[in-house]
Amino acid sequence: MRLRRSFVVAAAALFLTESALAGDDRPLREWMQTARVPETRADALARFRAAKPADLPELKLLLDDGRRVPGEGVARMLEDPRRDCRSKVSDADAWLGCIVEKLDGKTTVNAKSATEFACALIGARAIKGIDGLALAASLGLDAKGAFEPAVQHTLKGGGDEAIAALYTVRRDGSVALKKWAAERLEAMHMRKPAEVATMSDAASVARVLSIFGAWHDPAALGLLVERVDADRREVRDAARAGVRAYGREAIWKLREAYREVAGQAAPDDWFSKRLADELFGRLDARRLGPAMEALDSARTKAKEGHVLEAADEAERALRLAPDHPERHELAGFLLAAARDPASATQPAERRESRLFLASLAGGDELAATLATELRGLHADVLAARGVSDRTLTGAPSAVPVAEPRRNPKFVAGGALAAFALALAWAGEVLRRRAKRGEQKVQAAPIDENATTAEVSSEEPS
């Protein structure tokens, strides 16, 4: 029986080690399973602590698995681990790692669910950002609030992103979770739109404005209209989309804003959509005035055949307004100048700068097209500065193809697992031989003078 158990353990260890040798591309569910095995727990926790935004969908699936188990049983399962790990609660990562370690040996569905919650929270803390913090905040009430101390610790250092995360939970969570998130926002003095106006992080402000727009909160309409001409495009776009979402409810506020910008009242037959279009158009014209003039100048010079001068004007337009509505056209002027034979008389740094700016303005497709060209120009720039090592230029021919390397820790683990498997197999062979010997002894006549120890070949259990 012992040998059979050792065989199973060795086979499981080999399976886990072979999976580890495959690298970090394993599903997080498999990593969660290895977190329950002492020999592989450290590697599994390290994987969750290195989680990235691309892991968010899998972390949400882990939470869904954990939530299939009633929270009362999970909370009871966590009572002893939480008491044993109380000294580490000031360090959320250490506390969660301690929780997982204390669940070792418990094979119930409650222990599995608790491990899923802990690993998902570790991953959410590693991802950070609004979405990572929102995932962490969504764990505030799971297992009867067993993980709330770690959630609170996570949100405490999140700044504006934590506020946006709580608003996200307040929008998407269950009724109880929405109430919990609202209470957290109230405690942070960030529940009212006027208080949200003090936030400075652009991405966080944009997220909250989008949520206000979806809610049609009358108290937030003024904040949204104030941000429709924000310097940051993501804030401006979120505010404008939010105002449009109000529809007729925003007419009176749009009329006020239009009067202030245009200096005259809007016609009575303009409804919300027309008002928004006219207001946003005037705001863009005012904000982009110098940049649009530079665009017109670039078009004129290009028609006259002055390619390099047109590129200079296009560059000026993009520096005045990086989010210029005609930035793709501006990228064309820059690209034409960088490839024009006349640019050969200019320094390589100048051509490289134009190509780089064109790749930024032209979007991902143009950036991918220009990648090789930029790499070659960068090599020329380095060569002009006396850099002879081609490995610094990024040239494809200079980069040797690296042989795939395995983590020494995984290789050593594989050797140990293989050794354990060999021992288990040898034990199984000995057991079968012993069994055959037992059968022979049972078939032979028993000598009454022999002792029991001499006759029995059964191995101790």
Protein backbone atom coordinates (compact mmCIF):
# COMPACT_ATOMS: atom_id res chain seq x y z
CA MET A 1 0.00 0.00 0.00
CA ARG A 2 2.80 2.41 0.88
CA LEU A 3 4.60 1.67 -2.36
CA ARG A 4 1.46 2.24 -4.35
CA ARG A 5 0.98 5.60 -2.62
CA SER A 6 4.59 6.56 -3.28
CA PHE A 7 4.13 5.63 -6.94
CA VAL A 8 1.11 7.93 -7.24
CA VAL A 9 2.88 10.80 -5.44
CA ALA A 10 5.95 10.43 -7.66
CA ALA A 11 3.83 10.39 -10.81
CA ALA A 12 1.97 13.50 -9.68
CA ALA A 13 5.24 15.25 -8.87
CA LEU A 14 6.60 14.33 -12.30
CA PHE A 15 3.47 15.67 -13.99
CA LEU A 16 3.67 18.95 -12.10
CA THR A 17 7.37 19.33 -12.80
CA GLU A 18 6.95 18.61 -16.50
CA SER A 19 4.23 21.23 -16.57
CA ALA A 20 6.56 23.68 -14.85
CA LEU A 21 9.25 22.94 -17.45
CA ALA A 22 6.81 24.12 -20.11
CA GLY A 23 7.11 27.68 -18.76
CA ASP A 24 4.66 30.34 -17.66
CA ASP A 25 2.17 29.74 -20.47
CA ARG A 26 0.21 27.22 -18.43
CA PRO A 27 -3.34 28.21 -17.49
CA LEU A 28 -3.62 29.87 -14.10
CA ARG A 29 -5.94 27.09 -12.98
CA GLU A 30 -3.03 24.67 -13.21
CA TRP A 31 -0.81 27.07 -11.31
CA MET A 32 -3.50 27.26 -8.63
CA GLN A 33 -3.39 23.48 -8.30
CA THR A 34 0.39 23.56 -7.88
CA ALA A 35 -0.05 26.19 -5.15
CA ARG A 36 -1.65 23.44 -3.06
CA VAL A 37 1.43 21.21 -3.31
CA PRO A 38 4.28 22.11 -0.89
CA GLU A 39 7.02 21.22 -3.40
CA THR A 40 5.69 23.62 -6.07
CA ARG A 41 3.90 26.25 -3.96
CA ALA A 42 6.71 28.82 -4.12
CA ASP A 43 6.82 28.73 -7.94
CA ALA A 44 3.05 28.95 -8.19
CA LEU A 45 2.82 31.96 -5.88
CA ALA A 46 5.67 33.60 -7.79
CA ARG A 47 3.65 33.14 -11.00
CA PHE A 48 0.61 34.87 -9.49
CA ARG A 49 2.80 37.66 -8.11
CA ALA A 50 4.04 38.23 -11.66
CA ALA A 51 0.54 38.42 -13.18
CA LYS A 52 -0.06 40.89 -16.01
CA PRO A 53 -3.22 42.54 -17.42
CA ALA A 54 -3.50 39.73 -20.00
CA ASP A 55 -4.15 37.35 -17.06
CA LEU A 56 -7.29 39.17 -15.93
CA PRO A 57 -9.77 36.90 -17.80
CA GLU A 58 -8.23 33.79 -16.21
CA LEU A 59 -8.22 35.37 -12.76
CA LYS A 60 -11.93 36.14 -13.18
CA LEU A 61 -12.53 32.49 -14.11
CA LEU A 62 -10.72 31.46 -10.92
CA LEU A 63 -13.04 33.69 -8.93
CA ASP A 64 -16.06 32.22 -10.68
CA ASP A 65 -14.86 28.73 -9.69
CA GLY A 66 -14.37 29.81 -6.08
CA ARG A 67 -17.80 31.40 -5.89
CA ARG A 68 -19.54 28.16 -6.78
CA VAL A 69 -18.95 27.05 -3.19
CA PRO A 70 -21.16 28.56 -0.43
CA GLY A 71 -19.27 31.30 1.37
CA GLU A 72 -20.11 30.07 4.86
CA GLY A 73 -18.09 26.89 4.49
CA VAL A 74 -15.12 28.75 2.98
CA ALA A 75 -15.22 31.25 5.84
CA ARG A 76 -15.13 28.44 8.40
CA MET A 77 -12.24 26.81 6.55
CA LEU A 78 -10.31 30.09 6.76
CA GLU A 79 -10.80 30.65 10.48
CA ASP A 80 -7.66 28.80 11.62
CA PRO A 81 -5.38 30.05 8.78
CA ARG A 82 -6.47 33.65 9.41
CA ARG A 83 -5.72 33.31 13.11
CA ASP A 84 -2.32 31.72 12.45
CA CYS A 85 -1.39 34.39 9.88
CA ARG A 86 -2.65 37.37 11.85
CA SER A 87 0.87 38.66 12.52
CA LYS A 88 1.44 39.14 8.77
CA VAL A 89 -1.76 41.04 7.98
CA SER A 90 0.17 44.32 7.57
CA ASP A 91 1.82 42.81 4.46
CA ALA A 92 -1.02 41.65 2.23
CA ASP A 93 1.15 39.50 -0.04
CA ALA A 94 2.81 37.73 2.90
CA TRP A 95 -0.59 37.28 4.57
CA LEU A 96 -2.13 35.72 1.46
CA GLY A 97 0.89 33.46 0.97
CA CYS A 98 0.59 32.37 4.60
CA ILE A 99 -3.11 31.61 4.10
CA VAL A 100 -2.31 29.36 1.12
CA GLU A 101 0.41 27.59 3.13
CA LYS A 102 -1.89 26.97 6.10
CA LEU A 103 -4.47 25.40 3.78
CA ASP A 104 -1.92 22.69 2.95
CA GLY A 105 -3.27 19.17 3.36
CA LYS A 106 -6.93 20.20 3.22
CA THR A 107 -8.57 18.61 0.19
CA THR A 108 -12.16 19.78 0.59
CA VAL A 109 -13.96 22.00 -1.89
CA ASN A 110 -13.92 24.76 0.72
CA ALA A 111 -10.10 24.67 0.89
CA LYS A 112 -9.90 24.68 -2.90
CA SER A 113 -12.21 27.69 -3.10
CA ALA A 114 -10.21 29.53 -0.43
CA THR A 115 -6.99 28.91 -2.38
CA GLU A 116 -8.62 30.21 -5.55
CA PHE A 117 -9.66 33.41 -3.79
CA ALA A 118 -6.19 33.93 -2.33
CA CYS A 119 -4.38 33.30 -5.63
CA ALA A 120 -6.78 35.53 -7.57
CA LEU A 121 -6.24 38.34 -5.08
CA ILE A 122 -2.46 37.95 -5.30
CA GLY A 123 -2.72 38.21 -9.09
CA ALA A 124 -5.01 41.24 -8.93
CA ARG A 125 -2.58 43.01 -6.59
CA ALA A 126 0.26 42.33 -9.02
CA ILE A 127 -1.64 43.70 -12.03
CA LYS A 128 -2.59 46.92 -10.24
CA GLY A 129 -4.16 49.58 -12.47
CA ILE A 130 -7.88 50.24 -12.45
CA ASP A 131 -8.90 46.79 -13.67
CA GLY A 132 -6.58 44.94 -11.29
CA LEU A 133 -7.79 46.99 -8.33
CA ALA A 134 -11.40 46.50 -9.42
CA LEU A 135 -10.88 42.74 -9.42
CA ALA A 136 -9.33 42.96 -5.96
CA ALA A 137 -12.20 45.13 -4.71
CA SER A 138 -14.74 42.61 -6.02
CA LEU A 139 -13.37 40.17 -3.41
CA GLY A 140 -14.41 42.41 -0.54
CA LEU A 141 -17.42 40.31 0.48
CA ASP A 142 -16.33 36.82 -0.65
CA ALA A 143 -16.10 34.13 2.03
CA LYS A 144 -18.08 36.38 4.39
CA GLY A 145 -15.48 39.12 4.09
CA ALA A 146 -12.56 36.87 5.02
CA PHE A 147 -10.24 38.63 2.55
CA GLU A 148 -11.43 42.18 3.27
CA PRO A 149 -8.26 43.13 5.25
CA ALA A 150 -6.09 42.37 2.21
CA VAL A 151 -8.57 44.12 -0.09
CA GLN A 152 -8.55 47.23 2.08
CA HIS A 153 -4.75 47.17 2.18
CA THR A 154 -4.70 46.94 -1.63
CA LEU A 155 -7.08 49.85 -2.15
CA LYS A 156 -5.34 52.02 0.43
CA GLY A 157 -2.30 52.53 -1.77
CA GLY A 158 -4.19 52.76 -5.07
CA GLY A 159 -4.83 56.52 -5.18
CA ASP A 160 -7.13 57.70 -7.97
CA GLU A 161 -7.07 54.27 -9.58
CA ALA A 162 -8.57 52.76 -6.43
CA ILE A 163 -11.41 55.30 -6.58
CA ALA A 164 -12.08 54.41 -10.22
CA ALA A 165 -11.93 50.71 -9.29
CA LEU A 166 -14.54 51.18 -6.57
CA TYR A 167 -16.79 53.03 -9.01
CA THR A 168 -16.36 50.13 -11.43
CA VAL A 169 -17.41 47.66 -8.74
CA ARG A 170 -20.29 49.92 -7.79
CA ARG A 171 -21.43 49.76 -11.42
CA ASP A 172 -20.85 46.05 -12.14
CA GLY A 173 -21.10 44.27 -8.78
CA SER A 174 -23.96 42.56 -6.99
CA VAL A 175 -26.40 44.58 -4.90
CA ALA A 176 -24.47 43.85 -1.71
CA LEU A 177 -21.13 44.61 -3.36
CA LYS A 178 -22.42 47.89 -4.79
CA LYS A 179 -23.45 48.96 -1.30
CA TRP A 180 -20.04 47.94 0.06
CA ALA A 181 -18.24 49.94 -2.66
CA ALA A 182 -20.44 52.98 -2.01
CA GLU A 183 -19.54 52.83 1.68
CA ARG A 184 -15.83 52.69 0.83
CA LEU A 185 -16.19 55.71 -1.46
CA GLU A 186 -18.08 57.56 1.25
CA ALA A 187 -15.25 56.87 3.70
CA MET A 188 -12.75 58.22 1.14
CA HIS A 189 -14.90 61.35 0.54
CA MET A 190 -15.18 60.46 -3.14
CA ARG A 191 -18.82 59.60 -3.60
CA LYS A 192 -20.04 62.97 -4.92
CA PRO A 193 -19.20 64.32 -8.40
CA ALA A 194 -17.78 67.52 -6.91
CA GLU A 195 -15.34 65.41 -4.90
CA VAL A 196 -14.39 63.35 -7.96
CA ALA A 197 -13.40 66.63 -9.67
CA THR A 198 -10.28 66.71 -7.47
CA MET A 199 -8.88 63.56 -9.10
CA SER A 200 -5.83 64.10 -11.31
CA ASP A 201 -5.08 60.75 -12.96
CA ALA A 202 -6.47 60.97 -16.50
CA ALA A 203 -7.36 57.30 -16.94
CA SER A 204 -9.14 57.21 -13.57
CA VAL A 205 -11.09 60.40 -14.30
CA ALA A 206 -12.10 59.03 -17.71
CA ARG A 207 -13.38 55.78 -16.15
CA VAL A 208 -15.46 57.60 -13.55
CA LEU A 209 -16.87 60.04 -16.12
CA SER A 210 -17.92 57.11 -18.30
CA ILE A 211 -19.72 55.55 -15.35
CA PHE A 212 -21.48 58.83 -14.51
CA GLY A 213 -22.62 59.05 -18.13
CA ALA A 214 -24.04 55.54 -17.99
CA TRP A 215 -25.89 56.37 -14.77
CA HIS A 216 -27.33 59.67 -16.05
CA ASP A 217 -26.64 61.13 -12.63
CA PRO A 218 -28.06 64.70 -12.73
CA ALA A 219 -25.51 65.84 -10.14
CA ALA A 220 -22.66 64.71 -12.42
CA LEU A 221 -23.82 66.46 -15.59
CA GLY A 222 -22.03 69.70 -14.72
CA LEU A 223 -18.76 67.83 -14.14
CA LEU A 224 -19.07 66.09 -17.50
CA VAL A 225 -19.72 69.33 -19.40
CA GLU A 226 -16.74 70.95 -17.70
CA ARG A 227 -14.49 68.18 -19.02
CA VAL A 228 -15.62 68.16 -22.68
CA ASP A 229 -12.65 70.41 -23.54
CA ALA A 230 -10.07 68.72 -21.27
CA ASP A 231 -6.43 68.70 -22.37
CA ARG A 232 -6.19 64.90 -22.15
CA ARG A 233 -7.98 63.17 -25.01
CA GLU A 234 -9.14 60.19 -22.95
CA VAL A 235 -10.82 62.51 -20.42
CA ARG A 236 -12.30 64.64 -23.20
CA ASP A 237 -13.66 61.64 -25.09
CA ALA A 238 -15.17 60.10 -21.95
CA ALA A 239 -16.84 63.38 -20.98
CA ARG A 240 -18.28 63.90 -24.46
CA ALA A 241 -19.58 60.34 -24.67
CA GLY A 242 -21.10 60.77 -21.23
CA VAL A 243 -22.85 64.01 -22.16
CA ARG A 244 -24.25 62.43 -25.33
CA ALA A 245 -25.54 59.53 -23.23
CA TYR A 246 -27.76 61.93 -21.24
CA GLY A 247 -29.71 62.83 -24.38
CA ARG A 248 -32.51 65.30 -23.74
CA GLU A 249 -31.59 65.54 -20.07
CA ALA A 250 -28.44 67.48 -21.03
CA ILE A 251 -30.08 70.11 -23.29
CA TRP A 252 -30.22 72.91 -20.70
CA LYS A 253 -26.58 72.40 -19.68
CA LEU A 254 -25.44 72.22 -23.31
CA ARG A 255 -27.25 75.49 -24.07
CA GLU A 256 -25.45 77.18 -21.18
CA ALA A 257 -22.07 75.91 -22.39
CA TYR A 258 -22.77 76.90 -26.00
CA ARG A 259 -23.74 80.43 -24.99
CA GLU A 260 -20.51 80.77 -23.03
CA VAL A 261 -18.33 79.51 -25.91
CA ALA A 262 -20.13 81.12 -28.87
CA GLY A 263 -21.19 84.33 -27.17
CA GLN A 264 -24.78 83.86 -28.34
CA ALA A 265 -27.72 81.60 -27.70
CA ALA A 266 -28.22 78.46 -29.75
CA PRO A 267 -31.27 78.35 -32.06
CA ASP A 268 -34.37 76.93 -30.42
CA ASP A 269 -34.68 74.12 -32.98
CA TRP A 270 -31.30 72.61 -31.98
CA PHE A 271 -31.79 69.53 -29.88
CA SER A 272 -29.23 67.66 -27.81
CA LYS A 273 -27.31 66.00 -30.65
CA ARG A 274 -27.02 69.18 -32.72
CA LEU A 275 -26.09 71.17 -29.64
CA ALA A 276 -23.36 68.71 -28.71
CA ASP A 277 -21.97 68.64 -32.27
CA GLU A 278 -21.86 72.42 -32.54
CA LEU A 279 -20.38 72.89 -29.07
CA PHE A 280 -17.69 70.27 -29.53
CA GLY A 281 -16.85 71.62 -33.00
CA ARG A 282 -16.33 75.15 -31.65
CA LEU A 283 -14.23 73.85 -28.78
CA ASP A 284 -12.04 71.83 -31.16
CA ALA A 285 -11.60 74.81 -33.47
CA ARG A 286 -10.53 76.99 -30.54
CA ARG A 287 -8.18 74.40 -29.08
CA LEU A 288 -6.74 73.23 -32.41
CA GLY A 289 -6.58 76.62 -34.12
CA PRO A 290 -2.75 76.91 -34.38
CA ALA A 291 -2.40 73.22 -35.20
CA MET A 292 -5.00 73.45 -37.96
CA GLU A 293 -3.19 76.47 -39.40
CA ALA A 294 0.00 74.41 -39.47
CA LEU A 295 -1.87 71.66 -41.32
CA ASP A 296 -3.14 74.12 -43.94
CA SER A 297 0.43 75.42 -44.35
CA ALA A 298 1.72 71.85 -44.79
CA ARG A 299 -0.87 71.17 -47.49
CA THR A 300 0.08 74.34 -49.36
CA LYS A 301 3.82 73.63 -49.25
CA ALA A 302 3.27 70.02 -50.36
CA LYS A 303 1.28 71.20 -53.40
CA GLU A 304 4.13 73.56 -54.27
CA GLY A 305 6.58 70.66 -54.13
CA HIS A 306 8.36 71.76 -50.96
CA VAL A 307 8.37 68.34 -49.30
CA LEU A 308 10.78 69.11 -46.47
CA GLU A 309 9.06 72.38 -45.55
CA ALA A 310 5.69 70.59 -45.53
CA ALA A 311 7.14 68.04 -43.10
CA ASP A 312 8.35 70.86 -40.84
CA GLU A 313 4.81 72.27 -40.69
CA ALA A 314 3.36 68.80 -40.07
CA GLU A 315 5.80 68.30 -37.21
CA ARG A 316 4.79 71.66 -35.73
CA ALA A 317 1.10 70.69 -35.96
CA LEU A 318 1.69 67.39 -34.13
CA ARG A 319 3.72 69.05 -31.41
CA LEU A 320 0.92 71.57 -30.85
CA ALA A 321 -1.76 68.84 -30.85
CA PRO A 322 -0.50 65.23 -30.51
CA ASP A 323 -4.11 64.03 -30.90
CA HIS A 324 -4.69 66.11 -34.04
CA PRO A 325 -7.83 64.85 -35.84
CA GLU A 326 -5.90 64.75 -39.13
CA ARG A 327 -2.77 63.16 -37.69
CA HIS A 328 -2.79 60.39 -40.31
CA GLU A 329 -2.49 63.00 -43.05
CA LEU A 330 0.29 64.72 -41.09
CA ALA A 331 2.08 61.38 -40.81
CA GLY A 332 2.01 61.17 -44.63
CA PHE A 333 3.86 64.49 -44.95
CA LEU A 334 6.53 63.31 -42.50
CA LEU A 335 6.91 59.97 -44.23
CA ALA A 336 7.28 61.60 -47.66
CA ALA A 337 10.03 63.88 -46.36
CA ALA A 338 11.94 61.08 -44.66
CA ARG A 339 11.96 59.08 -47.90
CA ASP A 340 12.61 62.02 -50.22
CA PRO A 341 16.07 61.95 -51.89
CA ALA A 342 16.62 65.57 -50.80
CA SER A 343 16.63 64.43 -47.14
CA ALA A 344 19.88 62.55 -47.77
CA THR A 345 21.72 65.83 -47.24
CA GLN A 346 20.22 66.15 -43.75
CA PRO A 347 21.57 64.39 -40.64
CA ALA A 348 20.40 60.84 -40.09
CA GLU A 349 19.00 61.89 -36.70
CA ARG A 350 16.62 64.26 -38.48
CA ARG A 351 15.28 61.57 -40.80
CA GLU A 352 14.98 59.15 -37.87
CA SER A 353 13.04 61.74 -35.87
CA ARG A 354 10.59 62.26 -38.74
CA LEU A 355 10.04 58.54 -39.26
CA PHE A 356 9.52 57.98 -35.55
CA LEU A 357 6.98 60.82 -35.31
CA ALA A 358 5.23 59.49 -38.42
CA SER A 359 4.98 56.03 -36.86
CA LEU A 360 3.42 57.53 -33.71
CA ALA A 361 0.90 59.64 -35.64
CA GLY A 362 0.08 56.97 -38.21
CA GLY A 363 -1.06 54.28 -35.79
CA ASP A 364 -0.06 50.67 -35.26
CA GLU A 365 -0.18 49.66 -38.92
CA LEU A 366 2.22 52.38 -40.07
CA ALA A 367 4.44 51.82 -37.02
CA ALA A 368 4.84 48.16 -37.96
CA THR A 369 5.64 49.11 -41.56
CA LEU A 370 8.32 51.56 -40.50
CA ALA A 371 9.95 49.36 -37.85
CA THR A 372 12.66 47.98 -40.17
CA GLU A 373 13.32 51.38 -41.72
CA LEU A 374 13.69 52.97 -38.29
CA ARG A 375 16.03 50.19 -37.19
CA GLY A 376 18.30 50.81 -40.18
CA LEU A 377 18.36 54.57 -39.62
CA HIS A 378 19.13 54.02 -35.96
CA ALA A 379 22.11 51.90 -37.02
CA ASP A 380 23.35 54.74 -39.22
CA VAL A 381 23.02 57.21 -36.35
CA LEU A 382 25.07 54.95 -34.06
CA ALA A 383 27.68 54.41 -36.76
CA ALA A 384 28.01 58.18 -37.22
CA ARG A 385 28.69 58.44 -33.50
CA GLY A 386 31.47 55.87 -33.73
CA VAL A 387 29.56 52.86 -32.41
CA SER A 388 30.94 49.90 -34.34
CA ASP A 389 29.28 47.06 -32.40
CA ARG A 390 26.42 46.02 -34.65
CA THR A 391 24.71 44.21 -31.81
CA LEU A 392 23.74 47.64 -30.44
CA THR A 393 21.95 48.69 -33.62
CA GLY A 394 19.18 46.14 -33.46
CA ALA A 395 20.00 44.93 -36.98
CA PRO A 396 18.47 41.49 -37.52
CA SER A 397 21.73 40.04 -38.88
CA ALA A 398 23.62 41.11 -35.78
CA VAL A 399 21.38 39.38 -33.27
CA PRO A 400 22.41 35.76 -32.73
CA VAL A 401 19.67 33.22 -32.35
CA ALA A 402 19.69 32.27 -28.70
CA GLU A 403 19.35 28.68 -27.74
CA PRO A 404 16.31 28.02 -25.57
CA ARG A 405 17.26 27.93 -21.91
CA ARG A 406 15.52 26.12 -19.13
CA ASN A 407 15.19 27.37 -15.64
CA PRO A 408 17.77 25.45 -13.52
CA LYS A 409 15.21 25.16 -10.75
CA PHE A 410 12.79 23.36 -13.07
CA VAL A 411 15.52 21.11 -14.47
CA ALA A 412 16.59 20.07 -10.98
CA GLY A 413 12.96 19.45 -10.06
CA GLY A 414 12.55 17.25 -13.11
CA ALA A 415 15.60 15.19 -12.15
CA LEU A 416 14.28 14.69 -8.62
CA ALA A 417 10.85 13.71 -9.88
CA ALA A 418 12.39 11.22 -12.32
CA PHE A 419 14.46 9.74 -9.49
CA ALA A 420 11.36 9.42 -7.30
CA LEU A 421 9.51 7.73 -10.12
CA ALA A 422 12.37 5.28 -10.60
CA LEU A 423 12.34 4.40 -6.89
CA ALA A 424 8.59 3.92 -6.94
CA TRP A 425 8.84 1.66 -9.99
CA ALA A 426 11.58 -0.40 -8.34
CA GLY A 427 9.39 -0.74 -5.25
CA GLU A 428 6.52 -1.91 -7.39
CA VAL A 429 8.76 -4.56 -9.00
CA LEU A 430 9.88 -5.78 -5.56
CA ARG A 431 6.29 -5.91 -4.37
CA ARG A 432 5.26 -8.07 -7.33
CA ARG A 433 8.20 -10.41 -6.76
CA ALA A 434 7.32 -10.65 -3.09
CA LYS A 435 3.74 -11.47 -4.01
CA ARG A 436 4.88 -14.24 -6.34
CA GLY A 437 7.08 -15.60 -3.51
CA GLU A 438 4.10 -15.54 -1.17
CA GLN A 439 2.06 -17.52 -3.62
CA LYS A 440 4.82 -20.13 -3.83
CA VAL A 441 5.02 -20.41 -0.06
CA GLN A 442 1.25 -20.82 0.19
CA ALA A 443 1.41 -23.59 -2.39
CA ALA A 444 4.22 -25.46 -0.55
CA PRO A 445 3.55 -27.63 2.59
CA ILE A 446 4.05 -25.64 5.78
CA ASP A 447 6.77 -26.85 8.15
CA GLU A 448 5.26 -26.84 11.64
CA ASN A 449 8.72 -26.35 13.16
CA ALA A 450 9.32 -23.14 11.18
CA THR A 451 8.63 -19.77 12.81
CA THR A 452 6.06 -17.38 11.48
CA ALA A 453 8.75 -14.89 10.48
CA GLU A 454 10.44 -17.52 8.30
CA VAL A 455 7.25 -18.44 6.47
CA SER A 456 5.49 -15.08 5.95
CA SER A 457 6.68 -12.94 3.10
CA GLU A 458 3.94 -10.31 3.39
CA GLU A 459 5.44 -6.82 3.62
CA PRO A 460 4.33 -4.62 6.54
CA SER A 461 1.67 -2.06 5.77
